Amino acid sequence: MRGMIMFLVALAAFLTLVGVVKRDFSPLLKCGVLASLVACAVLFVVSLKSDESQQNSVRELAQRFNSGEILRCGKFEVSQKTFNLEFGTQSFVSKNGTFNNGKVVSFSECEGVKK
């Protein structure tokens, strides 16, 4: 899905650029449109890199949990003994019969996760 959105944004930017170059606009307007497109492209790439960094951080956290490491998440110590990993919601859910019964801890509360 994300790839399709990237393709559509790139296509729209290309068509806008072609439309501005082919038309009889002033050079100042053409430069302004080009600068805006470049700025949007830079922001888009920075956004992708930030998302990638956060995804790597979440993957690392899940790997640490699955290897049996005890994680510090807010005021809780999260381990496989007391919590289940819910990757879809990016959280840990306490197991039945534990002292934290029913508690949900978000990945973002854990140490070492980029927010």
PDB file of N, CA and C in Angstrom:
ATOM      1  N   MET A   1       0.829  -1.197   0.000  1.00  0.00           N
ATOM      2  CA  MET A   1       0.000   0.000   0.000  1.00  0.00           C
ATOM      3  C   MET A   1       0.867   1.252   0.000  1.00  0.00           C
ATOM      4  N   ARG A   2       1.904   1.236   0.862  1.00  0.00           N
ATOM      5  CA  ARG A   2       2.772   2.403   0.952  1.00  0.00           C
ATOM      6  C   ARG A   2       3.492   2.654  -0.378  1.00  0.00           C
ATOM      7  N   GLY A   3       3.880   1.561  -1.071  1.00  0.00           N
ATOM      8  CA  GLY A   3       4.543   1.680  -2.362  1.00  0.00           C
ATOM      9  C   GLY A   3       3.630   2.328  -3.401  1.00  0.00           C
ATOM     10  N   MET A   4       2.349   1.978  -3.348  1.00  0.00           N
ATOM     11  CA  MET A   4       1.383   2.555  -4.289  1.00  0.00           C
ATOM     12  C   MET A   4       1.215   4.051  -4.038  1.00  0.00           C
ATOM     13  N   ILE A   5       1.171   4.447  -2.788  1.00  0.00           N
ATOM     14  CA  ILE A   5       1.047   5.868  -2.453  1.00  0.00           C
ATOM     15  C   ILE A   5       2.290   6.626  -2.921  1.00  0.00           C
ATOM     16  N   MET A   6       3.462   6.036  -2.706  1.00  0.00           N
ATOM     17  CA  MET A   6       4.706   6.680  -3.150  1.00  0.00           C
ATOM     18  C   MET A   6       4.696   6.857  -4.665  1.00  0.00           C
ATOM     19  N   PHE A   7       4.239   5.828  -5.381  1.00  0.00           N
ATOM     20  CA  PHE A   7       4.173   5.913  -6.830  1.00  0.00           C
ATOM     21  C   PHE A   7       3.229   7.031  -7.279  1.00  0.00           C
ATOM     22  N   LEU A   8       2.061   7.110  -6.661  1.00  0.00           N
ATOM     23  CA  LEU A   8       1.091   8.144  -7.043  1.00  0.00           C
ATOM     24  C   LEU A   8       1.600   9.549  -6.743  1.00  0.00           C
ATOM     25  N   VAL A   9       2.282   9.727  -5.625  1.00  0.00           N
ATOM     26  CA  VAL A   9       2.852  11.038  -5.285  1.00  0.00           C
ATOM     27  C   VAL A   9       3.929  11.408  -6.287  1.00  0.00           C
ATOM     28  N   ALA A  10       4.795  10.450  -6.633  1.00  0.00           N
ATOM     29  CA  ALA A  10       5.853  10.716  -7.617  1.00  0.00           C
ATOM     30  C   ALA A  10       5.261  11.045  -8.982  1.00  0.00           C
ATOM     31  N   LEU A  11       4.222  10.322  -9.368  1.00  0.00           N
ATOM     32  CA  LEU A  11       3.561  10.586 -10.655  1.00  0.00           C
ATOM     33  C   LEU A  11       2.941  11.978 -10.673  1.00  0.00           C
ATOM     34  N   ALA A  12       2.266  12.353  -9.596  1.00  0.00           N
ATOM     35  CA  ALA A  12       1.657  13.687  -9.513  1.00  0.00           C
ATOM     36  C   ALA A  12       2.729  14.775  -9.569  1.00  0.00           C
ATOM     37  N   ALA A  13       3.838  14.570  -8.882  1.00  0.00           N
ATOM     38  CA  ALA A  13       4.922  15.550  -8.907  1.00  0.00           C
ATOM     39  C   ALA A  13       5.511  15.670 -10.306  1.00  0.00           C
ATOM     40  N   PHE A  14       5.716  14.539 -10.969  1.00  0.00           N
ATOM     41  CA  PHE A  14       6.260  14.556 -12.329  1.00  0.00           C
ATOM     42  C   PHE A  14       5.316  15.280 -13.292  1.00  0.00           C
ATOM     43  N   LEU A  15       4.029  14.968 -13.215  1.00  0.00           N
ATOM     44  CA  LEU A  15       3.055  15.616 -14.111  1.00  0.00           C
ATOM     45  C   LEU A  15       2.966  17.115 -13.842  1.00  0.00           C
ATOM     46  N   THR A  16       3.052  17.493 -12.577  1.00  0.00           N
ATOM     47  CA  THR A  16       3.049  18.922 -12.237  1.00  0.00           C
ATOM     48  C   THR A  16       4.271  19.604 -12.819  1.00  0.00           C
ATOM     49  N   LEU A  17       5.418  18.984 -12.692  1.00  0.00           N
ATOM     50  CA  LEU A  17       6.656  19.554 -13.222  1.00  0.00           C
ATOM     51  C   LEU A  17       6.598  19.690 -14.736  1.00  0.00           C
ATOM     52  N   VAL A  18       6.114  18.656 -15.417  1.00  0.00           N
ATOM     53  CA  VAL A  18       5.992  18.707 -16.877  1.00  0.00           C
ATOM     54  C   VAL A  18       5.005  19.799 -17.286  1.00  0.00           C
ATOM     55  N   GLY A  19       3.899  19.894 -16.576  1.00  0.00           N
ATOM     56  CA  GLY A  19       2.907  20.919 -16.902  1.00  0.00           C
ATOM     57  C   GLY A  19       3.448  22.326 -16.734  1.00  0.00           C
ATOM     58  N   VAL A  20       4.238  22.561 -15.715  1.00  0.00           N
ATOM     59  CA  VAL A  20       4.803  23.890 -15.485  1.00  0.00           C
ATOM     60  C   VAL A  20       5.872  24.215 -16.510  1.00  0.00           C
ATOM     61  N   VAL A  21       6.702  23.243 -16.873  1.00  0.00           N
ATOM     62  CA  VAL A  21       7.779  23.491 -17.834  1.00  0.00           C
ATOM     63  C   VAL A  21       7.206  23.751 -19.225  1.00  0.00           C
ATOM     64  N   LYS A  22       6.186  23.004 -19.621  1.00  0.00           N
ATOM     65  CA  LYS A  22       5.598  23.146 -20.958  1.00  0.00           C
ATOM     66  C   LYS A  22       4.801  24.445 -21.123  1.00  0.00           C
ATOM     67  N   ARG A  23       4.264  24.943 -20.053  1.00  0.00           N
ATOM     68  CA  ARG A  23       3.437  26.153 -20.139  1.00  0.00           C
ATOM     69  C   ARG A  23       4.301  27.395 -20.202  1.00  0.00           C
ATOM     70  N   ASP A  24       3.640  28.481 -20.466  1.00  0.00           N
ATOM     71  CA  ASP A  24       4.335  29.753 -20.609  1.00  0.00           C
ATOM     72  C   ASP A  24       4.289  30.539 -19.300  1.00  0.00           C
ATOM     73  N   PHE A  25       4.807  29.970 -18.245  1.00  0.00           N
ATOM     74  CA  PHE A  25       4.860  30.646 -16.955  1.00  0.00           C
ATOM     75  C   PHE A  25       6.173  31.391 -16.832  1.00  0.00           C
ATOM     76  N   SER A  26       6.190  32.352 -15.933  1.00  0.00           N
ATOM     77  CA  SER A  26       7.422  33.110 -15.716  1.00  0.00           C
ATOM     78  C   SER A  26       8.496  32.202 -15.117  1.00  0.00           C
ATOM     79  N   PRO A  27       9.759  32.520 -15.356  1.00  0.00           N
ATOM     80  CA  PRO A  27      10.847  31.707 -14.782  1.00  0.00           C
ATOM     81  C   PRO A  27      10.797  31.663 -13.253  1.00  0.00           C
ATOM     82  N   LEU A  28      10.351  32.753 -12.639  1.00  0.00           N
ATOM     83  CA  LEU A  28      10.267  32.783 -11.179  1.00  0.00           C
ATOM     84  C   LEU A  28       9.233  31.784 -10.680  1.00  0.00           C
ATOM     85  N   LEU A  29       8.089  31.693 -11.334  1.00  0.00           N
ATOM     86  CA  LEU A  29       7.057  30.732 -10.952  1.00  0.00           C
ATOM     87  C   LEU A  29       7.541  29.303 -11.167  1.00  0.00           C
ATOM     88  N   LYS A  30       8.225  29.066 -12.284  1.00  0.00           N
ATOM     89  CA  LYS A  30       8.767  27.736 -12.556  1.00  0.00           C
ATOM     90  C   LYS A  30       9.761  27.323 -11.476  1.00  0.00           C
ATOM     91  N   CYS A  31      10.627  28.243 -11.079  1.00  0.00           N
ATOM     92  CA  CYS A  31      11.603  27.950 -10.021  1.00  0.00           C
ATOM     93  C   CYS A  31      10.902  27.685  -8.690  1.00  0.00           C
ATOM     94  N   GLY A  32       9.855  28.446  -8.403  1.00  0.00           N
ATOM     95  CA  GLY A  32       9.101  28.256  -7.173  1.00  0.00           C
ATOM     96  C   GLY A  32       8.443  26.888  -7.112  1.00  0.00           C
ATOM     97  N   VAL A  33       7.832  26.464  -8.211  1.00  0.00           N
ATOM     98  CA  VAL A  33       7.193  25.154  -8.269  1.00  0.00           C
ATOM     99  C   VAL A  33       8.249  24.053  -8.128  1.00  0.00           C
ATOM    100  N   LEU A  34       9.368  24.210  -8.820  1.00  0.00           N
ATOM    101  CA  LEU A  34      10.440  23.222  -8.735  1.00  0.00           C
ATOM    102  C   LEU A  34      10.981  23.127  -7.303  1.00  0.00           C
ATOM    103  N   ALA A  35      11.180  24.265  -6.664  1.00  0.00           N
ATOM    104  CA  ALA A  35      11.676  24.270  -5.281  1.00  0.00           C
ATOM    105  C   ALA A  35      10.667  23.601  -4.336  1.00  0.00           C
ATOM    106  N   SER A  36       9.394  23.850  -4.554  1.00  0.00           N
ATOM    107  CA  SER A  36       8.363  23.215  -3.733  1.00  0.00           C
ATOM    108  C   SER A  36       8.360  21.707  -3.907  1.00  0.00           C
ATOM    109  N   LEU A  37       8.508  21.250  -5.147  1.00  0.00           N
ATOM    110  CA  LEU A  37       8.549  19.811  -5.402  1.00  0.00           C
ATOM    111  C   LEU A  37       9.776  19.168  -4.761  1.00  0.00           C
ATOM    112  N   VAL A  38      10.911  19.842  -4.836  1.00  0.00           N
ATOM    113  CA  VAL A  38      12.132  19.312  -4.211  1.00  0.00           C
ATOM    114  C   VAL A  38      11.960  19.253  -2.694  1.00  0.00           C
ATOM    115  N   ALA A  39      11.380  20.304  -2.102  1.00  0.00           N
ATOM    116  CA  ALA A  39      11.156  20.319  -0.655  1.00  0.00           C
ATOM    117  C   ALA A  39      10.220  19.186  -0.237  1.00  0.00           C
ATOM    118  N   CYS A  40       9.173  18.956  -0.994  1.00  0.00           N
ATOM    119  CA  CYS A  40       8.245  17.855  -0.694  1.00  0.00           C
ATOM    120  C   CYS A  40       8.951  16.505  -0.800  1.00  0.00           C
ATOM    121  N   ALA A  41       9.801  16.350  -1.789  1.00  0.00           N
ATOM    122  CA  ALA A  41      10.538  15.096  -1.956  1.00  0.00           C
ATOM    123  C   ALA A  41      11.470  14.855  -0.769  1.00  0.00           C
ATOM    124  N   VAL A  42      12.148  15.901  -0.322  1.00  0.00           N
ATOM    125  CA  VAL A  42      13.058  15.772   0.821  1.00  0.00           C
ATOM    126  C   VAL A  42      12.273  15.396   2.078  1.00  0.00           C
ATOM    127  N   LEU A  43      11.152  16.061   2.321  1.00  0.00           N
ATOM    128  CA  LEU A  43      10.323  15.739   3.487  1.00  0.00           C
ATOM    129  C   LEU A  43       9.803  14.307   3.424  1.00  0.00           C
ATOM    130  N   PHE A  44       9.456  13.865   2.248  1.00  0.00           N
ATOM    131  CA  PHE A  44       8.946  12.507   2.063  1.00  0.00           C
ATOM    132  C   PHE A  44      10.028  11.479   2.392  1.00  0.00           C
ATOM    133  N   VAL A  45      11.249  11.711   1.919  1.00  0.00           N
ATOM    134  CA  VAL A  45      12.361  10.789   2.188  1.00  0.00           C
ATOM    135  C   VAL A  45      12.690  10.770   3.678  1.00  0.00           C
ATOM    136  N   VAL A  46      12.696  11.944   4.313  1.00  0.00           N
ATOM    137  CA  VAL A  46      12.966  12.013   5.755  1.00  0.00           C
ATOM    138  C   VAL A  46      11.891  11.251   6.524  1.00  0.00           C
ATOM    139  N   SER A  47      10.659  11.378   6.113  1.00  0.00           N
ATOM    140  CA  SER A  47       9.555  10.662   6.756  1.00  0.00           C
ATOM    141  C   SER A  47       9.730   9.148   6.625  1.00  0.00           C
ATOM    142  N   LEU A  48      10.123   8.694   5.443  1.00  0.00           N
ATOM    143  CA  LEU A  48      10.343   7.266   5.228  1.00  0.00           C
ATOM    144  C   LEU A  48      11.471   6.741   6.112  1.00  0.00           C
ATOM    145  N   LYS A  49      12.542   7.504   6.212  1.00  0.00           N
ATOM    146  CA  LYS A  49      13.681   7.084   7.042  1.00  0.00           C
ATOM    147  C   LYS A  49      13.279   7.012   8.512  1.00  0.00           C
ATOM    148  N   SER A  50      12.471   7.964   8.964  1.00  0.00           N
ATOM    149  CA  SER A  50      12.012   7.970  10.349  1.00  0.00           C
ATOM    150  C   SER A  50      11.139   6.747  10.632  1.00  0.00           C
ATOM    151  N   ASP A  51      10.230   6.432   9.719  1.00  0.00           N
ATOM    152  CA  ASP A  51       9.371   5.257   9.870  1.00  0.00           C
ATOM    153  C   ASP A  51      10.204   3.981   9.902  1.00  0.00           C
ATOM    154  N   GLU A  52      11.204   3.914   9.037  1.00  0.00           N
ATOM    155  CA  GLU A  52      12.068   2.736   8.976  1.00  0.00           C
ATOM    156  C   GLU A  52      12.836   2.561  10.283  1.00  0.00           C
ATOM    157  N   SER A  53      13.316   3.660  10.831  1.00  0.00           N
ATOM    158  CA  SER A  53      14.052   3.619  12.090  1.00  0.00           C
ATOM    159  C   SER A  53      13.156   3.116  13.222  1.00  0.00           C
ATOM    160  N   GLN A  54      11.927   3.598  13.262  1.00  0.00           N
ATOM    161  CA  GLN A  54      10.992   3.168  14.305  1.00  0.00           C
ATOM    162  C   GLN A  54      10.645   1.685  14.141  1.00  0.00           C
ATOM    163  N   GLN A  55      10.456   1.232  12.919  1.00  0.00           N
ATOM    164  CA  GLN A  55      10.141  -0.172  12.674  1.00  0.00           C
ATOM    165  C   GLN A  55      11.299  -1.068  13.109  1.00  0.00           C
ATOM    166  N   ASN A  56      12.523  -0.632  12.835  1.00  0.00           N
ATOM    167  CA  ASN A  56      13.693  -1.404  13.268  1.00  0.00           C
ATOM    168  C   ASN A  56      13.755  -1.484  14.787  1.00  0.00           C
ATOM    169  N   SER A  57      13.415  -0.389  15.439  1.00  0.00           N
ATOM    170  CA  SER A  57      13.423  -0.344  16.894  1.00  0.00           C
ATOM    171  C   SER A  57      12.392  -1.315  17.467  1.00  0.00           C
ATOM    172  N   VAL A  58      11.224  -1.365  16.878  1.00  0.00           N
ATOM    173  CA  VAL A  58      10.163  -2.275  17.337  1.00  0.00           C
ATOM    174  C   VAL A  58      10.572  -3.723  17.094  1.00  0.00           C
ATOM    175  N   ARG A  59      11.178  -4.005  15.930  1.00  0.00           N
ATOM    176  CA  ARG A  59      11.645  -5.355  15.636  1.00  0.00           C
ATOM    177  C   ARG A  59      12.693  -5.815  16.648  1.00  0.00           C
ATOM    178  N   GLU A  60      13.608  -4.909  16.968  1.00  0.00           N
ATOM    179  CA  GLU A  60      14.647  -5.231  17.944  1.00  0.00           C
ATOM    180  C   GLU A  60      14.033  -5.538  19.318  1.00  0.00           C
ATOM    181  N   LEU A  61      13.046  -4.741  19.704  1.00  0.00           N
ATOM    182  CA  LEU A  61      12.370  -4.959  20.986  1.00  0.00           C
ATOM    183  C   LEU A  61      11.692  -6.334  21.003  1.00  0.00           C
ATOM    184  N   ALA A  62      11.016  -6.690  19.931  1.00  0.00           N
ATOM    185  CA  ALA A  62      10.353  -7.997  19.843  1.00  0.00           C
ATOM    186  C   ALA A  62      11.376  -9.127  19.897  1.00  0.00           C
ATOM    187  N   GLN A  63      12.506  -8.960  19.247  1.00  0.00           N
ATOM    188  CA  GLN A  63      13.549  -9.981  19.284  1.00  0.00           C
ATOM    189  C   GLN A  63      14.110 -10.149  20.691  1.00  0.00           C
ATOM    190  N   ARG A  64      14.321  -9.034  21.380  1.00  0.00           N
ATOM    191  CA  ARG A  64      14.822  -9.101  22.749  1.00  0.00           C
ATOM    192  C   ARG A  64      13.823  -9.832  23.646  1.00  0.00           C
ATOM    193  N   PHE A  65      12.536  -9.524  23.492  1.00  0.00           N
ATOM    194  CA  PHE A  65      11.487 -10.179  24.277  1.00  0.00           C
ATOM    195  C   PHE A  65      11.457 -11.679  23.979  1.00  0.00           C
ATOM    196  N   ASN A  66      11.478 -12.030  22.689  1.00  0.00           N
ATOM    197  CA  ASN A  66      11.404 -13.433  22.288  1.00  0.00           C
ATOM    198  C   ASN A  66      12.632 -14.236  22.710  1.00  0.00           C
ATOM    199  N   SER A  67      13.753 -13.564  22.911  1.00  0.00           N
ATOM    200  CA  SER A  67      14.966 -14.279  23.345  1.00  0.00           C
ATOM    201  C   SER A  67      14.993 -14.485  24.855  1.00  0.00           C
ATOM    202  N   GLY A  68      13.953 -13.987  25.548  1.00  0.00           N
ATOM    203  CA  GLY A  68      13.856 -14.216  26.984  1.00  0.00           C
ATOM    204  C   GLY A  68      14.362 -13.075  27.845  1.00  0.00           C
ATOM    205  N   GLU A  69      14.757 -11.980  27.229  1.00  0.00           N
ATOM    206  CA  GLU A  69      15.251 -10.823  27.988  1.00  0.00           C
ATOM    207  C   GLU A  69      14.098 -10.152  28.740  1.00  0.00           C
ATOM    208  N   ILE A  70      14.388  -9.627  29.915  1.00  0.00           N
ATOM    209  CA  ILE A  70      13.393  -8.867  30.680  1.00  0.00           C
ATOM    210  C   ILE A  70      13.507  -7.408  30.267  1.00  0.00           C
ATOM    211  N   LEU A  71      12.392  -6.837  29.834  1.00  0.00           N
ATOM    212  CA  LEU A  71      12.365  -5.465  29.325  1.00  0.00           C
ATOM    213  C   LEU A  71      11.790  -4.526  30.369  1.00  0.00           C
ATOM    214  N   ARG A  72      12.303  -3.330  30.419  1.00  0.00           N
ATOM    215  CA  ARG A  72      11.787  -2.292  31.312  1.00  0.00           C
ATOM    216  C   ARG A  72      10.853  -1.399  30.504  1.00  0.00           C
ATOM    217  N   CYS A  73       9.558  -1.452  30.817  1.00  0.00           N
ATOM    218  CA  CYS A  73       8.535  -0.694  30.093  1.00  0.00           C
ATOM    219  C   CYS A  73       7.714   0.100  31.103  1.00  0.00           C
ATOM    220  N   GLY A  74       8.034   1.379  31.232  1.00  0.00           N
ATOM    221  CA  GLY A  74       7.366   2.196  32.236  1.00  0.00           C
ATOM    222  C   GLY A  74       7.693   1.661  33.614  1.00  0.00           C
ATOM    223  N   LYS A  75       6.670   1.358  34.400  1.00  0.00           N
ATOM    224  CA  LYS A  75       6.890   0.836  35.749  1.00  0.00           C
ATOM    225  C   LYS A  75       6.859  -0.696  35.796  1.00  0.00           C
ATOM    226  N   PHE A  76       6.791  -1.334  34.623  1.00  0.00           N
ATOM    227  CA  PHE A  76       6.684  -2.791  34.554  1.00  0.00           C
ATOM    228  C   PHE A  76       7.971  -3.426  34.044  1.00  0.00           C
ATOM    229  N   GLU A  77       8.233  -4.621  34.539  1.00  0.00           N
ATOM    230  CA  GLU A  77       9.273  -5.473  33.996  1.00  0.00           C
ATOM    231  C   GLU A  77       8.560  -6.522  33.151  1.00  0.00           C
ATOM    232  N   VAL A  78       8.749  -6.443  31.845  1.00  0.00           N
ATOM    233  CA  VAL A  78       8.024  -7.301  30.908  1.00  0.00           C
ATOM    234  C   VAL A  78       8.903  -8.490  30.543  1.00  0.00           C
ATOM    235  N   SER A  79       8.359  -9.685  30.755  1.00  0.00           N
ATOM    236  CA  SER A  79       9.069 -10.910  30.384  1.00  0.00           C
ATOM    237  C   SER A  79       8.070 -11.897  29.795  1.00  0.00           C
ATOM    238  N   GLN A  80       8.598 -12.976  29.225  1.00  0.00           N
ATOM    239  CA  GLN A  80       7.726 -13.995  28.644  1.00  0.00           C
ATOM    240  C   GLN A  80       6.920 -14.739  29.712  1.00  0.00           C
ATOM    241  N   LYS A  81       7.376 -14.697  30.946  1.00  0.00           N
ATOM    242  CA  LYS A  81       6.646 -15.364  32.023  1.00  0.00           C
ATOM    243  C   LYS A  81       5.336 -14.664  32.352  1.00  0.00           C
ATOM    244  N   THR A  82       5.323 -13.338  32.255  1.00  0.00           N
ATOM    245  CA  THR A  82       4.155 -12.581  32.709  1.00  0.00           C
ATOM    246  C   THR A  82       3.387 -11.864  31.594  1.00  0.00           C
ATOM    247  N   PHE A  83       3.969 -11.748  30.406  1.00  0.00           N
ATOM    248  CA  PHE A  83       3.313 -11.007  29.319  1.00  0.00           C
ATOM    249  C   PHE A  83       3.358 -11.800  28.019  1.00  0.00           C
ATOM    250  N   ASN A  84       2.382 -11.524  27.156  1.00  0.00           N
ATOM    251  CA  ASN A  84       2.361 -12.028  25.782  1.00  0.00           C
ATOM    252  C   ASN A  84       2.667 -10.873  24.841  1.00  0.00           C
ATOM    253  N   LEU A  85       3.354 -11.175  23.771  1.00  0.00           N
ATOM    254  CA  LEU A  85       3.673 -10.183  22.748  1.00  0.00           C
ATOM    255  C   LEU A  85       2.519 -10.111  21.752  1.00  0.00           C
ATOM    256  N   GLU A  86       1.982  -8.925  21.542  1.00  0.00           N
ATOM    257  CA  GLU A  86       0.927  -8.692  20.546  1.00  0.00           C
ATOM    258  C   GLU A  86       1.510  -7.756  19.494  1.00  0.00           C
ATOM    259  N   PHE A  87       2.074  -8.346  18.445  1.00  0.00           N
ATOM    260  CA  PHE A  87       2.801  -7.542  17.460  1.00  0.00           C
ATOM    261  C   PHE A  87       1.871  -6.638  16.660  1.00  0.00           C
ATOM    262  N   GLY A  88       0.660  -7.091  16.392  1.00  0.00           N
ATOM    263  CA  GLY A  88      -0.289  -6.303  15.599  1.00  0.00           C
ATOM    264  C   GLY A  88      -0.634  -4.977  16.242  1.00  0.00           C
ATOM    265  N   THR A  89      -0.772  -4.966  17.562  1.00  0.00           N
ATOM    266  CA  THR A  89      -1.090  -3.729  18.282  1.00  0.00           C
ATOM    267  C   THR A  89       0.153  -3.096  18.902  1.00  0.00           C
ATOM    268  N   GLN A  90       1.304  -3.729  18.662  1.00  0.00           N
ATOM    269  CA  GLN A  90       2.582  -3.274  19.204  1.00  0.00           C
ATOM    270  C   GLN A  90       2.484  -3.025  20.706  1.00  0.00           C
ATOM    271  N   SER A  91       2.095  -4.101  21.390  1.00  0.00           N
ATOM    272  CA  SER A  91       1.958  -4.007  22.841  1.00  0.00           C
ATOM    273  C   SER A  91       2.221  -5.363  23.480  1.00  0.00           C
ATOM    274  N   PHE A  92       2.372  -5.318  24.785  1.00  0.00           N
ATOM    275  CA  PHE A  92       2.483  -6.519  25.595  1.00  0.00           C
ATOM    276  C   PHE A  92       1.227  -6.598  26.447  1.00  0.00           C
ATOM    277  N   VAL A  93       0.611  -7.774  26.507  1.00  0.00           N
ATOM    278  CA  VAL A  93      -0.606  -7.985  27.293  1.00  0.00           C
ATOM    279  C   VAL A  93      -0.269  -8.988  28.385  1.00  0.00           C
ATOM    280  N   SER A  94      -0.598  -8.615  29.617  1.00  0.00           N
ATOM    281  CA  SER A  94      -0.262  -9.508  30.732  1.00  0.00           C
ATOM    282  C   SER A  94      -1.072 -10.796  30.647  1.00  0.00           C
ATOM    283  N   LYS A  95      -0.446 -11.877  31.080  1.00  0.00           N
ATOM    284  CA  LYS A  95      -1.083 -13.187  31.044  1.00  0.00           C
ATOM    285  C   LYS A  95      -2.082 -13.320  32.192  1.00  0.00           C
ATOM    286  N   ASN A  96      -3.079 -14.157  31.986  1.00  0.00           N
ATOM    287  CA  ASN A  96      -4.058 -14.446  33.044  1.00  0.00           C
ATOM    288  C   ASN A  96      -3.356 -15.097  34.224  1.00  0.00           C
ATOM    289  N   GLY A  97      -3.776 -14.738  35.403  1.00  0.00           N
ATOM    290  CA  GLY A  97      -3.232 -15.339  36.607  1.00  0.00           C
ATOM    291  C   GLY A  97      -1.961 -14.683  37.117  1.00  0.00           C
ATOM    292  N   THR A  98      -1.548 -13.610  36.466  1.00  0.00           N
ATOM    293  CA  THR A  98      -0.369 -12.880  36.952  1.00  0.00           C
ATOM    294  C   THR A  98      -0.844 -11.682  37.754  1.00  0.00           C
ATOM    295  N   PHE A  99       0.062 -11.076  38.494  1.00  0.00           N
ATOM    296  CA  PHE A  99      -0.320  -9.930  39.328  1.00  0.00           C
ATOM    297  C   PHE A  99      -0.708  -8.708  38.493  1.00  0.00           C
ATOM    298  N   ASN A 100      -0.334  -8.674  37.220  1.00  0.00           N
ATOM    299  CA  ASN A 100      -0.699  -7.570  36.322  1.00  0.00           C
ATOM    300  C   ASN A 100      -1.869  -7.945  35.419  1.00  0.00           C
ATOM    301  N   ASN A 101      -2.698  -8.864  35.823  1.00  0.00           N
ATOM    302  CA  ASN A 101      -3.758  -9.414  34.993  1.00  0.00           C
ATOM    303  C   ASN A 101      -4.541  -8.323  34.250  1.00  0.00           C
ATOM    304  N   GLY A 102      -4.562  -8.425  32.912  1.00  0.00           N
ATOM    305  CA  GLY A 102      -5.316  -7.487  32.095  1.00  0.00           C
ATOM    306  C   GLY A 102      -4.579  -6.217  31.714  1.00  0.00           C
ATOM    307  N   LYS A 103      -3.366  -6.047  32.158  1.00  0.00           N
ATOM    308  CA  LYS A 103      -2.599  -4.834  31.864  1.00  0.00           C
ATOM    309  C   LYS A 103      -2.042  -4.906  30.442  1.00  0.00           C
ATOM    310  N   VAL A 104      -2.140  -3.791  29.724  1.00  0.00           N
ATOM    311  CA  VAL A 104      -1.589  -3.678  28.376  1.00  0.00           C
ATOM    312  C   VAL A 104      -0.491  -2.616  28.410  1.00  0.00           C
ATOM    313  N   VAL A 105       0.681  -2.980  27.916  1.00  0.00           N
ATOM    314  CA  VAL A 105       1.822  -2.072  27.908  1.00  0.00           C
ATOM    315  C   VAL A 105       2.242  -1.856  26.456  1.00  0.00           C
ATOM    316  N   SER A 106       2.237  -0.619  26.020  1.00  0.00           N
ATOM    317  CA  SER A 106       2.619  -0.283  24.644  1.00  0.00           C
ATOM    318  C   SER A 106       4.127  -0.392  24.465  1.00  0.00           C
ATOM    319  N   PHE A 107       4.542  -0.768  23.268  1.00  0.00           N
ATOM    320  CA  PHE A 107       5.971  -0.825  22.951  1.00  0.00           C
ATOM    321  C   PHE A 107       6.636   0.530  23.215  1.00  0.00           C
ATOM    322  N   SER A 108       5.903   1.607  22.954  1.00  0.00           N
ATOM    323  CA  SER A 108       6.485   2.946  23.079  1.00  0.00           C
ATOM    324  C   SER A 108       6.865   3.291  24.515  1.00  0.00           C
ATOM    325  N   GLU A 109       6.343   2.544  25.491  1.00  0.00           N
ATOM    326  CA  GLU A 109       6.677   2.777  26.891  1.00  0.00           C
ATOM    327  C   GLU A 109       7.999   2.118  27.289  1.00  0.00           C
ATOM    328  N   CYS A 110       8.524   1.276  26.422  1.00  0.00           N
ATOM    329  CA  CYS A 110       9.726   0.507  26.757  1.00  0.00           C
ATOM    330  C   CYS A 110      10.993   1.300  26.471  1.00  0.00           C
ATOM    331  N   GLU A 111      12.011   1.031  27.270  1.00  0.00           N
ATOM    332  CA  GLU A 111      13.301   1.688  27.098  1.00  0.00           C
ATOM    333  C   GLU A 111      13.952   1.206  25.804  1.00  0.00           C
ATOM    334  N   GLY A 112      14.544   2.141  25.093  1.00  0.00           N
ATOM    335  CA  GLY A 112      15.253   1.796  23.864  1.00  0.00           C
ATOM    336  C   GLY A 112      14.407   1.843  22.610  1.00  0.00           C
ATOM    337  N   VAL A 113      13.149   2.244  22.729  1.00  0.00           N
ATOM    338  CA  VAL A 113      12.278   2.326  21.551  1.00  0.00           C
ATOM    339  C   VAL A 113      12.229   3.771  21.088  1.00  0.00           C
ATOM    340  N   LYS A 114      12.492   3.972  19.789  1.00  0.00           N
ATOM    341  CA  LYS A 114      12.430   5.321  19.227  1.00  0.00           C
ATOM    342  C   LYS A 114      10.981   5.698  19.024  1.00  0.00           C
ATOM    343  N   LYS A 115      10.639   6.882  19.474  1.00  0.00           N
ATOM    344  CA  LYS A 115       9.242   7.328  19.402  1.00  0.00           C
ATOM    345  C   LYS A 115       9.014   8.206  18.210  1.00  0.00           C
TER     346      LYS A 115
END
